[in-house]
Amino acid sequence: MPGKPVIDKPGAVATPAEDQQWLDLAPLARVECSSEDPAFPIETAFKTHAGSNGWQAMEPGAQAVRLLFHTPVQIRLIYLVFHEIEVARIQEFVLRWRSVADPEAREIVRQRFTFSPPGTAEEQALYTVELGGLTELELSIVPEISGGPARASLAQFRLA
């Protein structure tokens, strides 16, 4: 069984260094998502420049974004940014991965964020990991753990 991924404790995260070499995911992976608002397609969350709006689900409730890599890759950083400017809510997300050596999905992290706009309208998470032979990465989002009508969204999703 492969070793467990190593992650840094989340906390106050500065914006990743501008010189970080983030992966261009378009040629590396097929992207699947359980719901997508055509005005906010998932590909916009992978953009590394300012001004992209990110992804938003069309339907409320739990959603998933899955990256299926064409060939196994090595990942050492995962960076996520979530925005909520309208509704106070508690969101939970889970990151899972699969590898060539172990096709069973393994949890990397499970985390909750509390949004209280306008004061707390953005949450960032930067995880240092050692994921070798990665074939699939899945982000599951429950936008409102109480089951309210919130729609999942993701401002940025970057990998290095």
N, C-alpha and C. Protein backbone atom coordinates (compact mmCIF):
# COMPACT_ATOMS: atom_id res chain seq x y z
N MET A 1 0.84 -1.18 0.00
CA MET A 1 0.00 0.00 0.00
C MET A 1 0.89 1.24 0.00
N PRO A 2 0.62 2.22 -0.89
CA PRO A 2 1.46 3.40 -0.94
C PRO A 2 1.33 4.22 0.33
N GLY A 3 2.34 5.04 0.60
CA GLY A 3 2.31 5.88 1.78
C GLY A 3 1.20 6.91 1.71
N LYS A 4 0.82 7.40 2.86
CA LYS A 4 -0.22 8.42 2.93
C LYS A 4 0.35 9.74 2.44
N PRO A 5 -0.50 10.58 1.83
CA PRO A 5 -0.01 11.89 1.42
C PRO A 5 0.33 12.73 2.63
N VAL A 6 1.30 13.60 2.49
CA VAL A 6 1.70 14.49 3.56
C VAL A 6 1.14 15.86 3.24
N ILE A 7 0.43 16.46 4.19
CA ILE A 7 -0.12 17.79 3.97
C ILE A 7 0.32 18.73 5.08
N ASP A 8 0.42 19.99 4.74
CA ASP A 8 0.67 21.02 5.75
C ASP A 8 -0.66 21.37 6.38
N LYS A 9 -0.61 21.82 7.62
CA LYS A 9 -1.84 22.26 8.27
C LYS A 9 -2.37 23.49 7.55
N PRO A 10 -3.67 23.51 7.26
CA PRO A 10 -4.22 24.72 6.64
C PRO A 10 -4.28 25.83 7.67
N GLY A 11 -4.33 27.00 7.22
CA GLY A 11 -4.42 28.15 8.11
C GLY A 11 -4.42 29.38 7.26
N ALA A 12 -3.91 30.45 7.79
CA ALA A 12 -3.81 31.66 7.00
C ALA A 12 -2.83 31.40 5.87
N VAL A 13 -3.32 31.49 4.66
CA VAL A 13 -2.51 31.16 3.49
C VAL A 13 -2.31 32.41 2.65
N ALA A 14 -1.08 32.71 2.37
CA ALA A 14 -0.81 33.82 1.46
C ALA A 14 -1.06 33.33 0.04
N THR A 15 -1.30 34.26 -0.86
CA THR A 15 -1.46 33.88 -2.26
C THR A 15 -0.18 33.19 -2.71
N PRO A 16 -0.29 32.09 -3.46
CA PRO A 16 0.91 31.38 -3.91
C PRO A 16 1.86 32.31 -4.66
N ALA A 17 3.12 31.98 -4.57
CA ALA A 17 4.13 32.81 -5.24
C ALA A 17 3.82 32.94 -6.72
N GLU A 18 4.02 34.14 -7.22
CA GLU A 18 3.74 34.41 -8.63
C GLU A 18 4.62 33.55 -9.54
N ASP A 19 5.79 33.17 -9.08
CA ASP A 19 6.68 32.39 -9.92
C ASP A 19 6.43 30.88 -9.83
N GLN A 20 5.40 30.48 -9.11
CA GLN A 20 5.06 29.06 -9.00
C GLN A 20 4.69 28.52 -10.39
N GLN A 21 5.17 27.36 -10.72
CA GLN A 21 4.89 26.74 -12.00
C GLN A 21 3.65 25.84 -11.88
N TRP A 22 2.46 26.43 -12.02
CA TRP A 22 1.21 25.67 -11.94
C TRP A 22 1.02 24.88 -13.21
N LEU A 23 0.45 23.71 -13.09
CA LEU A 23 0.22 22.84 -14.24
C LEU A 23 -0.88 23.38 -15.14
N ASP A 24 -0.68 23.27 -16.43
CA ASP A 24 -1.73 23.54 -17.40
C ASP A 24 -2.51 22.23 -17.51
N LEU A 25 -3.69 22.19 -16.94
CA LEU A 25 -4.44 20.93 -16.84
C LEU A 25 -5.13 20.51 -18.13
N ALA A 26 -5.36 21.43 -19.04
CA ALA A 26 -6.09 21.10 -20.27
C ALA A 26 -5.48 19.93 -21.03
N PRO A 27 -4.18 19.91 -21.29
CA PRO A 27 -3.63 18.76 -22.02
C PRO A 27 -3.37 17.52 -21.15
N LEU A 28 -3.43 17.67 -19.84
CA LEU A 28 -3.07 16.58 -18.93
C LEU A 28 -4.24 15.72 -18.46
N ALA A 29 -5.44 16.30 -18.46
CA ALA A 29 -6.56 15.59 -17.82
C ALA A 29 -7.89 15.90 -18.49
N ARG A 30 -8.78 14.96 -18.37
CA ARG A 30 -10.18 15.17 -18.72
C ARG A 30 -10.88 15.64 -17.44
N VAL A 31 -11.73 16.64 -17.55
CA VAL A 31 -12.41 17.19 -16.38
C VAL A 31 -13.88 16.80 -16.44
N GLU A 32 -14.40 16.34 -15.30
CA GLU A 32 -15.82 16.03 -15.16
C GLU A 32 -16.36 16.82 -13.98
N CYS A 33 -17.60 17.27 -14.09
CA CYS A 33 -18.24 17.91 -12.94
C CYS A 33 -19.71 17.51 -12.95
N SER A 34 -20.28 17.45 -11.76
CA SER A 34 -21.65 16.95 -11.61
C SER A 34 -22.69 17.97 -12.04
N SER A 35 -22.32 19.25 -12.07
CA SER A 35 -23.24 20.30 -12.48
C SER A 35 -22.40 21.50 -12.87
N GLU A 36 -22.87 22.28 -13.84
CA GLU A 36 -22.09 23.43 -14.28
C GLU A 36 -23.00 24.50 -14.85
N ASP A 37 -22.87 25.70 -14.34
CA ASP A 37 -23.56 26.85 -14.90
C ASP A 37 -22.78 27.25 -16.15
N PRO A 38 -23.42 27.31 -17.32
CA PRO A 38 -22.70 27.65 -18.55
C PRO A 38 -21.95 28.99 -18.48
N ALA A 39 -22.40 29.89 -17.63
CA ALA A 39 -21.72 31.18 -17.48
C ALA A 39 -20.46 31.07 -16.63
N PHE A 40 -20.31 29.96 -15.90
CA PHE A 40 -19.17 29.75 -15.01
C PHE A 40 -18.61 28.34 -15.19
N PRO A 41 -18.02 28.03 -16.35
CA PRO A 41 -17.52 26.68 -16.61
C PRO A 41 -16.30 26.34 -15.75
N ILE A 42 -16.11 25.07 -15.49
CA ILE A 42 -15.04 24.60 -14.61
C ILE A 42 -13.66 25.04 -15.09
N GLU A 43 -13.47 25.14 -16.38
CA GLU A 43 -12.15 25.51 -16.91
C GLU A 43 -11.68 26.86 -16.38
N THR A 44 -12.62 27.76 -16.04
CA THR A 44 -12.21 29.08 -15.55
C THR A 44 -11.56 29.01 -14.16
N ALA A 45 -11.85 27.98 -13.39
CA ALA A 45 -11.22 27.82 -12.08
C ALA A 45 -9.75 27.42 -12.20
N PHE A 46 -9.35 26.89 -13.37
CA PHE A 46 -7.97 26.46 -13.57
C PHE A 46 -7.09 27.57 -14.13
N LYS A 47 -7.66 28.71 -14.46
CA LYS A 47 -6.89 29.83 -15.01
C LYS A 47 -5.98 30.39 -13.93
N THR A 48 -4.77 30.74 -14.32
CA THR A 48 -3.81 31.23 -13.34
C THR A 48 -3.70 32.74 -13.34
N HIS A 49 -4.50 33.43 -14.13
CA HIS A 49 -4.44 34.88 -14.14
C HIS A 49 -5.62 35.48 -13.39
N ALA A 50 -5.43 36.67 -12.92
CA ALA A 50 -6.50 37.37 -12.19
C ALA A 50 -7.64 37.68 -13.15
N GLY A 51 -8.82 37.75 -12.61
CA GLY A 51 -9.97 38.13 -13.41
C GLY A 51 -10.85 36.99 -13.86
N SER A 52 -10.43 35.75 -13.66
CA SER A 52 -11.32 34.65 -14.04
C SER A 52 -12.37 34.49 -12.94
N ASN A 53 -13.58 34.16 -13.33
CA ASN A 53 -14.70 34.09 -12.39
C ASN A 53 -14.79 32.77 -11.65
N GLY A 54 -14.14 31.75 -12.15
CA GLY A 54 -14.23 30.45 -11.52
C GLY A 54 -15.47 29.68 -11.93
N TRP A 55 -15.67 28.55 -11.29
CA TRP A 55 -16.75 27.61 -11.60
C TRP A 55 -17.90 27.78 -10.62
N GLN A 56 -19.11 27.50 -11.12
CA GLN A 56 -20.29 27.46 -10.26
C GLN A 56 -21.22 26.38 -10.77
N ALA A 57 -21.79 25.62 -9.84
CA ALA A 57 -22.75 24.59 -10.20
C ALA A 57 -24.06 25.23 -10.64
N MET A 58 -24.78 24.55 -11.50
CA MET A 58 -26.09 25.02 -11.94
C MET A 58 -27.14 24.69 -10.88
N GLU A 59 -26.97 23.54 -10.23
CA GLU A 59 -27.94 23.05 -9.25
C GLU A 59 -27.41 23.23 -7.83
N PRO A 60 -28.31 23.45 -6.87
CA PRO A 60 -27.86 23.51 -5.47
C PRO A 60 -27.51 22.11 -4.96
N GLY A 61 -26.84 22.07 -3.82
CA GLY A 61 -26.51 20.80 -3.19
C GLY A 61 -25.11 20.32 -3.48
N ALA A 62 -24.81 19.11 -3.00
CA ALA A 62 -23.48 18.53 -3.12
C ALA A 62 -23.07 18.36 -4.58
N GLN A 63 -21.80 18.63 -4.86
CA GLN A 63 -21.27 18.56 -6.22
C GLN A 63 -19.87 17.94 -6.19
N ALA A 64 -19.43 17.49 -7.36
CA ALA A 64 -18.08 16.92 -7.49
C ALA A 64 -17.41 17.44 -8.75
N VAL A 65 -16.10 17.66 -8.63
CA VAL A 65 -15.24 18.01 -9.77
C VAL A 65 -14.15 16.94 -9.79
N ARG A 66 -14.00 16.29 -10.92
CA ARG A 66 -13.04 15.18 -11.02
C ARG A 66 -12.07 15.44 -12.16
N LEU A 67 -10.77 15.26 -11.87
CA LEU A 67 -9.72 15.33 -12.88
C LEU A 67 -9.25 13.91 -13.14
N LEU A 68 -9.36 13.46 -14.39
CA LEU A 68 -8.92 12.13 -14.80
C LEU A 68 -7.69 12.31 -15.70
N PHE A 69 -6.53 12.01 -15.17
CA PHE A 69 -5.27 12.26 -15.89
C PHE A 69 -5.04 11.22 -16.97
N HIS A 70 -4.62 11.69 -18.15
CA HIS A 70 -4.37 10.81 -19.29
C HIS A 70 -3.20 9.87 -19.00
N THR A 71 -2.17 10.38 -18.35
CA THR A 71 -1.04 9.57 -17.88
C THR A 71 -0.78 9.99 -16.43
N PRO A 72 -0.28 9.09 -15.60
CA PRO A 72 -0.04 9.41 -14.19
C PRO A 72 0.88 10.62 -14.03
N VAL A 73 0.59 11.44 -13.03
CA VAL A 73 1.38 12.64 -12.77
C VAL A 73 1.81 12.67 -11.30
N GLN A 74 2.76 13.54 -11.01
CA GLN A 74 3.24 13.79 -9.65
C GLN A 74 2.73 15.16 -9.23
N ILE A 75 2.07 15.24 -8.08
CA ILE A 75 1.54 16.50 -7.57
C ILE A 75 2.17 16.78 -6.22
N ARG A 76 2.60 18.03 -6.01
CA ARG A 76 3.19 18.41 -4.72
C ARG A 76 2.46 19.57 -4.05
N LEU A 77 1.63 20.31 -4.81
CA LEU A 77 0.85 21.41 -4.24
C LEU A 77 -0.57 21.39 -4.79
N ILE A 78 -1.53 21.66 -3.91
CA ILE A 78 -2.93 21.84 -4.31
C ILE A 78 -3.38 23.15 -3.69
N TYR A 79 -3.90 24.03 -4.53
CA TYR A 79 -4.33 25.36 -4.07
C TYR A 79 -5.79 25.54 -4.44
N LEU A 80 -6.62 25.86 -3.45
CA LEU A 80 -8.06 26.07 -3.64
C LEU A 80 -8.45 27.44 -3.10
N VAL A 81 -9.34 28.12 -3.81
CA VAL A 81 -9.91 29.38 -3.34
C VAL A 81 -11.41 29.31 -3.55
N PHE A 82 -12.15 29.62 -2.49
CA PHE A 82 -13.61 29.65 -2.52
C PHE A 82 -14.06 31.06 -2.17
N HIS A 83 -15.09 31.56 -2.89
CA HIS A 83 -15.69 32.87 -2.60
C HIS A 83 -17.17 32.69 -2.28
N GLU A 84 -17.65 33.50 -1.38
CA GLU A 84 -19.10 33.59 -1.10
C GLU A 84 -19.37 35.01 -0.64
N ILE A 85 -20.01 35.81 -1.49
CA ILE A 85 -20.23 37.22 -1.16
C ILE A 85 -21.66 37.53 -0.76
N GLU A 86 -22.55 36.52 -0.83
CA GLU A 86 -23.96 36.81 -0.58
C GLU A 86 -24.55 36.15 0.66
N VAL A 87 -24.24 34.88 0.90
CA VAL A 87 -24.97 34.09 1.89
C VAL A 87 -24.03 33.56 2.97
N ALA A 88 -24.41 33.74 4.24
CA ALA A 88 -23.67 33.13 5.34
C ALA A 88 -23.97 31.63 5.33
N ARG A 89 -22.92 30.82 5.37
CA ARG A 89 -23.12 29.37 5.31
C ARG A 89 -21.85 28.65 5.76
N ILE A 90 -22.01 27.36 6.04
CA ILE A 90 -20.86 26.50 6.35
C ILE A 90 -20.73 25.50 5.21
N GLN A 91 -19.57 25.49 4.60
CA GLN A 91 -19.29 24.61 3.47
C GLN A 91 -18.28 23.55 3.89
N GLU A 92 -18.45 22.35 3.37
CA GLU A 92 -17.46 21.29 3.59
C GLU A 92 -16.97 20.80 2.23
N PHE A 93 -15.67 20.53 2.16
CA PHE A 93 -15.15 19.91 0.94
C PHE A 93 -14.22 18.77 1.32
N VAL A 94 -14.09 17.84 0.38
CA VAL A 94 -13.20 16.69 0.55
C VAL A 94 -12.40 16.53 -0.73
N LEU A 95 -11.09 16.34 -0.58
CA LEU A 95 -10.21 16.00 -1.70
C LEU A 95 -9.84 14.53 -1.59
N ARG A 96 -9.99 13.80 -2.70
CA ARG A 96 -9.62 12.38 -2.75
C ARG A 96 -8.74 12.14 -3.98
N TRP A 97 -7.91 11.10 -3.89
CA TRP A 97 -7.05 10.76 -5.02
C TRP A 97 -6.98 9.27 -5.25
N ARG A 98 -6.63 8.91 -6.46
CA ARG A 98 -6.36 7.52 -6.85
C ARG A 98 -5.03 7.51 -7.58
N SER A 99 -4.35 6.37 -7.49
CA SER A 99 -3.06 6.25 -8.17
C SER A 99 -2.99 4.94 -8.94
N VAL A 100 -1.94 4.83 -9.74
CA VAL A 100 -1.70 3.59 -10.48
C VAL A 100 -1.53 2.44 -9.49
N ALA A 101 -0.79 2.69 -8.42
CA ALA A 101 -0.48 1.64 -7.45
C ALA A 101 -1.67 1.26 -6.57
N ASP A 102 -2.62 2.18 -6.40
CA ASP A 102 -3.75 1.93 -5.51
C ASP A 102 -5.00 2.59 -6.10
N PRO A 103 -5.82 1.83 -6.82
CA PRO A 103 -6.99 2.41 -7.47
C PRO A 103 -8.14 2.76 -6.52
N GLU A 104 -8.00 2.42 -5.23
CA GLU A 104 -9.03 2.80 -4.26
C GLU A 104 -8.88 4.28 -3.91
N ALA A 105 -10.00 5.00 -3.86
CA ALA A 105 -9.95 6.43 -3.55
C ALA A 105 -9.47 6.64 -2.12
N ARG A 106 -8.50 7.53 -1.95
CA ARG A 106 -7.94 7.85 -0.63
C ARG A 106 -8.19 9.32 -0.34
N GLU A 107 -8.63 9.60 0.88
CA GLU A 107 -8.90 10.97 1.27
C GLU A 107 -7.61 11.70 1.59
N ILE A 108 -7.48 12.90 1.05
CA ILE A 108 -6.34 13.76 1.33
C ILE A 108 -6.69 14.68 2.50
N VAL A 109 -7.83 15.34 2.38
CA VAL A 109 -8.24 16.30 3.41
C VAL A 109 -9.76 16.47 3.36
N ARG A 110 -10.32 16.76 4.52
CA ARG A 110 -11.74 17.12 4.66
C ARG A 110 -11.74 18.39 5.51
N GLN A 111 -12.38 19.44 4.99
CA GLN A 111 -12.31 20.71 5.70
C GLN A 111 -13.63 21.45 5.58
N ARG A 112 -13.94 22.22 6.61
CA ARG A 112 -15.12 23.09 6.61
C ARG A 112 -14.67 24.54 6.68
N PHE A 113 -15.40 25.38 5.95
CA PHE A 113 -15.20 26.82 5.99
C PHE A 113 -16.51 27.46 6.38
N THR A 114 -16.45 28.52 7.17
CA THR A 114 -17.63 29.31 7.50
C THR A 114 -17.52 30.63 6.76
N PHE A 115 -18.52 30.89 5.93
CA PHE A 115 -18.59 32.16 5.21
C PHE A 115 -19.58 33.06 5.94
N SER A 116 -19.17 34.30 6.19
CA SER A 116 -20.03 35.29 6.84
C SER A 116 -19.84 36.63 6.12
N PRO A 117 -20.34 36.73 4.89
CA PRO A 117 -20.15 37.98 4.15
C PRO A 117 -20.77 39.15 4.89
N PRO A 118 -20.20 40.32 4.79
CA PRO A 118 -19.07 40.68 3.95
C PRO A 118 -17.72 40.45 4.62
N GLY A 119 -17.71 40.14 5.91
CA GLY A 119 -16.44 39.97 6.63
C GLY A 119 -15.61 38.80 6.16
N THR A 120 -16.19 37.64 6.08
CA THR A 120 -15.47 36.45 5.64
C THR A 120 -16.13 35.95 4.36
N ALA A 121 -15.60 36.40 3.24
CA ALA A 121 -16.18 36.07 1.95
C ALA A 121 -15.25 35.25 1.07
N GLU A 122 -14.04 34.98 1.56
CA GLU A 122 -13.08 34.18 0.79
C GLU A 122 -12.33 33.25 1.73
N GLU A 123 -12.12 32.04 1.27
CA GLU A 123 -11.29 31.07 1.99
C GLU A 123 -10.28 30.47 1.01
N GLN A 124 -9.04 30.36 1.47
CA GLN A 124 -7.97 29.79 0.66
C GLN A 124 -7.37 28.61 1.39
N ALA A 125 -6.93 27.63 0.64
CA ALA A 125 -6.25 26.48 1.23
C ALA A 125 -5.11 26.07 0.31
N LEU A 126 -3.92 25.92 0.87
CA LEU A 126 -2.75 25.48 0.13
C LEU A 126 -2.22 24.23 0.83
N TYR A 127 -2.21 23.12 0.12
CA TYR A 127 -1.78 21.84 0.70
C TYR A 127 -0.51 21.38 0.01
N THR A 128 0.49 21.03 0.82
CA THR A 128 1.71 20.42 0.32
C THR A 128 1.51 18.92 0.42
N VAL A 129 1.62 18.23 -0.71
CA VAL A 129 1.37 16.80 -0.76
C VAL A 129 2.49 16.11 -1.54
N GLU A 130 2.55 14.81 -1.43
CA GLU A 130 3.43 13.98 -2.26
C GLU A 130 2.56 12.90 -2.87
N LEU A 131 1.98 13.21 -4.03
CA LEU A 131 1.08 12.28 -4.70
C LEU A 131 1.75 11.83 -5.99
N GLY A 132 2.35 10.64 -5.96
CA GLY A 132 3.01 10.09 -7.13
C GLY A 132 2.10 9.12 -7.84
N GLY A 133 2.22 9.07 -9.16
CA GLY A 133 1.41 8.15 -9.95
C GLY A 133 -0.07 8.50 -9.93
N LEU A 134 -0.39 9.77 -9.70
CA LEU A 134 -1.77 10.23 -9.60
C LEU A 134 -2.52 10.02 -10.92
N THR A 135 -3.65 9.33 -10.84
CA THR A 135 -4.48 9.11 -12.02
C THR A 135 -5.81 9.84 -11.93
N GLU A 136 -6.26 10.16 -10.71
CA GLU A 136 -7.54 10.83 -10.53
C GLU A 136 -7.51 11.67 -9.26
N LEU A 137 -8.06 12.87 -9.36
CA LEU A 137 -8.20 13.76 -8.22
C LEU A 137 -9.64 14.26 -8.20
N GLU A 138 -10.31 14.11 -7.06
CA GLU A 138 -11.70 14.51 -6.96
C GLU A 138 -11.89 15.49 -5.83
N LEU A 139 -12.62 16.57 -6.12
CA LEU A 139 -13.01 17.55 -5.13
C LEU A 139 -14.52 17.45 -4.98
N SER A 140 -14.97 17.07 -3.79
CA SER A 140 -16.41 17.02 -3.48
C SER A 140 -16.74 18.21 -2.60
N ILE A 141 -17.82 18.92 -2.93
CA ILE A 141 -18.20 20.12 -2.19
C ILE A 141 -19.65 20.00 -1.74
N VAL A 142 -19.86 20.21 -0.45
CA VAL A 142 -21.21 20.37 0.10
C VAL A 142 -21.29 21.85 0.45
N PRO A 143 -21.97 22.66 -0.38
CA PRO A 143 -21.91 24.10 -0.19
C PRO A 143 -22.60 24.61 1.08
N GLU A 144 -23.54 23.86 1.60
CA GLU A 144 -24.23 24.25 2.84
C GLU A 144 -24.53 22.98 3.61
N ILE A 145 -23.80 22.74 4.70
CA ILE A 145 -23.94 21.47 5.40
C ILE A 145 -25.31 21.28 6.03
N SER A 146 -26.07 22.37 6.19
CA SER A 146 -27.43 22.23 6.73
C SER A 146 -28.44 21.85 5.65
N GLY A 147 -27.97 21.75 4.40
CA GLY A 147 -28.85 21.34 3.31
C GLY A 147 -29.59 22.48 2.65
N GLY A 148 -29.18 23.70 2.85
CA GLY A 148 -29.84 24.85 2.23
C GLY A 148 -29.66 24.88 0.73
N PRO A 149 -30.18 25.93 0.08
CA PRO A 149 -30.19 26.00 -1.39
C PRO A 149 -28.91 26.55 -2.02
N ALA A 150 -27.81 26.63 -1.29
CA ALA A 150 -26.57 27.19 -1.83
C ALA A 150 -26.05 26.34 -2.99
N ARG A 151 -25.40 27.01 -3.93
CA ARG A 151 -24.77 26.33 -5.06
C ARG A 151 -23.25 26.31 -4.85
N ALA A 152 -22.64 25.18 -5.13
CA ALA A 152 -21.19 25.05 -5.00
C ALA A 152 -20.50 25.95 -6.02
N SER A 153 -19.36 26.48 -5.60
CA SER A 153 -18.54 27.28 -6.50
C SER A 153 -17.08 27.12 -6.10
N LEU A 154 -16.22 27.46 -7.03
CA LEU A 154 -14.77 27.32 -6.82
C LEU A 154 -14.09 28.40 -7.63
N ALA A 155 -13.45 29.36 -6.96
CA ALA A 155 -12.81 30.47 -7.66
C ALA A 155 -11.51 30.02 -8.34
N GLN A 156 -10.69 29.21 -7.63
CA GLN A 156 -9.43 28.76 -8.19
C GLN A 156 -9.13 27.33 -7.75
N PHE A 157 -8.56 26.56 -8.67
CA PHE A 157 -8.14 25.18 -8.42
C PHE A 157 -6.85 25.00 -9.19
N ARG A 158 -5.72 25.00 -8.47
CA ARG A 158 -4.42 24.92 -9.12
C ARG A 158 -3.62 23.76 -8.55
N LEU A 159 -2.80 23.18 -9.41
CA LEU A 159 -1.95 22.05 -9.01
C LEU A 159 -0.53 22.30 -9.50
N ALA A 160 0.42 21.85 -8.71
CA ALA A 160 1.82 21.92 -9.12
C ALA A 160 2.51 20.64 -8.71
